[in-house]
Amino acid sequence: MLNNKLRGTWDQVKGVSREFWGEITGDERQFSAGLRQRKVGKLEAERDMSQAEAEKRIDQMKH
């Protein structure tokens, strides 16, 4: 449980930095990847999900 929350928080931090880097360099793919990573991290931390489960949930919301 604590592991998912810690990993989720870390993924959110990485996602924000990827978004920022994508914004600075004008790389839309990097920016989008950062957004996705941040959303996955938020699900991991707040809903206590594994990373795979959170990614699956994000992919389902796209469609």
C-alpha atoms as a PDB file:
ATOM      1  CA  MET A   1       0.000   0.000   0.000  1.00  0.00           C
ATOM      2  CA  LEU A   2       2.677   2.497   1.000  1.00  0.00           C
ATOM      3  CA  ASN A   3       4.760   1.335  -1.936  1.00  0.00           C
ATOM      4  CA  ASN A   4       1.998   2.291  -4.418  1.00  0.00           C
ATOM      5  CA  LYS A   5       1.589   5.711  -2.834  1.00  0.00           C
ATOM      6  CA  LEU A   6       5.318   6.397  -2.892  1.00  0.00           C
ATOM      7  CA  ARG A   7       5.702   5.183  -6.465  1.00  0.00           C
ATOM      8  CA  GLY A   8       2.652   7.199  -7.503  1.00  0.00           C
ATOM      9  CA  THR A   9       4.054  10.370  -5.991  1.00  0.00           C
ATOM     10  CA  TRP A  10       7.380   9.736  -7.703  1.00  0.00           C
ATOM     11  CA  ASP A  11       5.642   9.146 -11.052  1.00  0.00           C
ATOM     12  CA  GLN A  12       3.787  12.436 -10.634  1.00  0.00           C
ATOM     13  CA  VAL A  13       7.075  14.270 -10.085  1.00  0.00           C
ATOM     14  CA  LYS A  14       8.623  12.615 -13.137  1.00  0.00           C
ATOM     15  CA  GLY A  15       5.537  13.450 -15.181  1.00  0.00           C
ATOM     16  CA  VAL A  16       5.659  17.124 -14.241  1.00  0.00           C
ATOM     17  CA  SER A  17       9.340  17.308 -15.176  1.00  0.00           C
ATOM     18  CA  ARG A  18       8.662  15.612 -18.530  1.00  0.00           C
ATOM     19  CA  GLU A  19       5.825  18.053 -19.204  1.00  0.00           C
ATOM     20  CA  PHE A  20       8.091  20.968 -18.359  1.00  0.00           C
ATOM     21  CA  TRP A  21      10.888  19.656 -20.570  1.00  0.00           C
ATOM     22  CA  GLY A  22       8.458  19.078 -23.431  1.00  0.00           C
ATOM     23  CA  GLU A  23       7.162  22.609 -23.047  1.00  0.00           C
ATOM     24  CA  ILE A  24      10.661  24.106 -23.051  1.00  0.00           C
ATOM     25  CA  THR A  25      11.836  22.124 -26.079  1.00  0.00           C
ATOM     26  CA  GLY A  26       8.526  22.281 -27.937  1.00  0.00           C
ATOM     27  CA  ASP A  27       8.316  18.479 -28.003  1.00  0.00           C
ATOM     28  CA  GLU A  28       4.609  17.633 -27.910  1.00  0.00           C
ATOM     29  CA  ARG A  29       5.266  13.899 -27.484  1.00  0.00           C
ATOM     30  CA  GLN A  30       7.362  14.491 -24.390  1.00  0.00           C
ATOM     31  CA  PHE A  31       4.725  16.846 -23.015  1.00  0.00           C
ATOM     32  CA  SER A  32       1.930  14.316 -23.626  1.00  0.00           C
ATOM     33  CA  ALA A  33       3.980  11.504 -22.100  1.00  0.00           C
ATOM     34  CA  GLY A  34       4.473  13.651 -19.016  1.00  0.00           C
ATOM     35  CA  LEU A  35       0.746  14.297 -18.727  1.00  0.00           C
ATOM     36  CA  ARG A  36       0.018  10.592 -18.971  1.00  0.00           C
ATOM     37  CA  GLN A  37       2.702   9.705 -16.444  1.00  0.00           C
ATOM     38  CA  ARG A  38       1.359  12.289 -14.018  1.00  0.00           C
ATOM     39  CA  LYS A  39      -2.180  10.891 -14.360  1.00  0.00           C
ATOM     40  CA  VAL A  40      -0.938   7.337 -13.805  1.00  0.00           C
ATOM     41  CA  GLY A  41       0.958   8.470 -10.725  1.00  0.00           C
ATOM     42  CA  LYS A  42      -2.094  10.228  -9.371  1.00  0.00           C
ATOM     43  CA  LEU A  43      -4.181   7.063  -9.702  1.00  0.00           C
ATOM     44  CA  GLU A  44      -1.429   5.014  -8.078  1.00  0.00           C
ATOM     45  CA  ALA A  45      -1.151   7.338  -5.099  1.00  0.00           C
ATOM     46  CA  GLU A  46      -4.793   8.250  -4.535  1.00  0.00           C
ATOM     47  CA  ARG A  47      -6.504   4.974  -5.427  1.00  0.00           C
ATOM     48  CA  ASP A  48      -3.716   2.677  -4.214  1.00  0.00           C
ATOM     49  CA  MET A  49      -3.379   0.925  -7.583  1.00  0.00           C
ATOM     50  CA  SER A  50      -0.428  -0.843  -9.112  1.00  0.00           C
ATOM     51  CA  GLN A  51       1.263   0.923 -12.003  1.00  0.00           C
ATOM     52  CA  ALA A  52      -0.011  -1.615 -14.543  1.00  0.00           C
ATOM     53  CA  GLU A  53      -3.573  -1.267 -13.297  1.00  0.00           C
ATOM     54  CA  ALA A  54      -3.388   2.541 -13.380  1.00  0.00           C
ATOM     55  CA  GLU A  55      -1.995   2.525 -16.933  1.00  0.00           C
ATOM     56  CA  LYS A  56      -4.769   0.164 -18.014  1.00  0.00           C
ATOM     57  CA  ARG A  57      -7.385   2.485 -16.474  1.00  0.00           C
ATOM     58  CA  ILE A  58      -5.897   5.528 -18.284  1.00  0.00           C
ATOM     59  CA  ASP A  59      -5.909   3.628 -21.583  1.00  0.00           C
ATOM     60  CA  GLN A  60      -9.585   2.718 -21.065  1.00  0.00           C
ATOM     61  CA  MET A  61     -10.503   6.358 -20.482  1.00  0.00           C
ATOM     62  CA  LYS A  62      -9.010   7.320 -23.864  1.00  0.00           C
ATOM     63  CA  HIS A  63     -11.430   5.136 -25.775  1.00  0.00           C
END
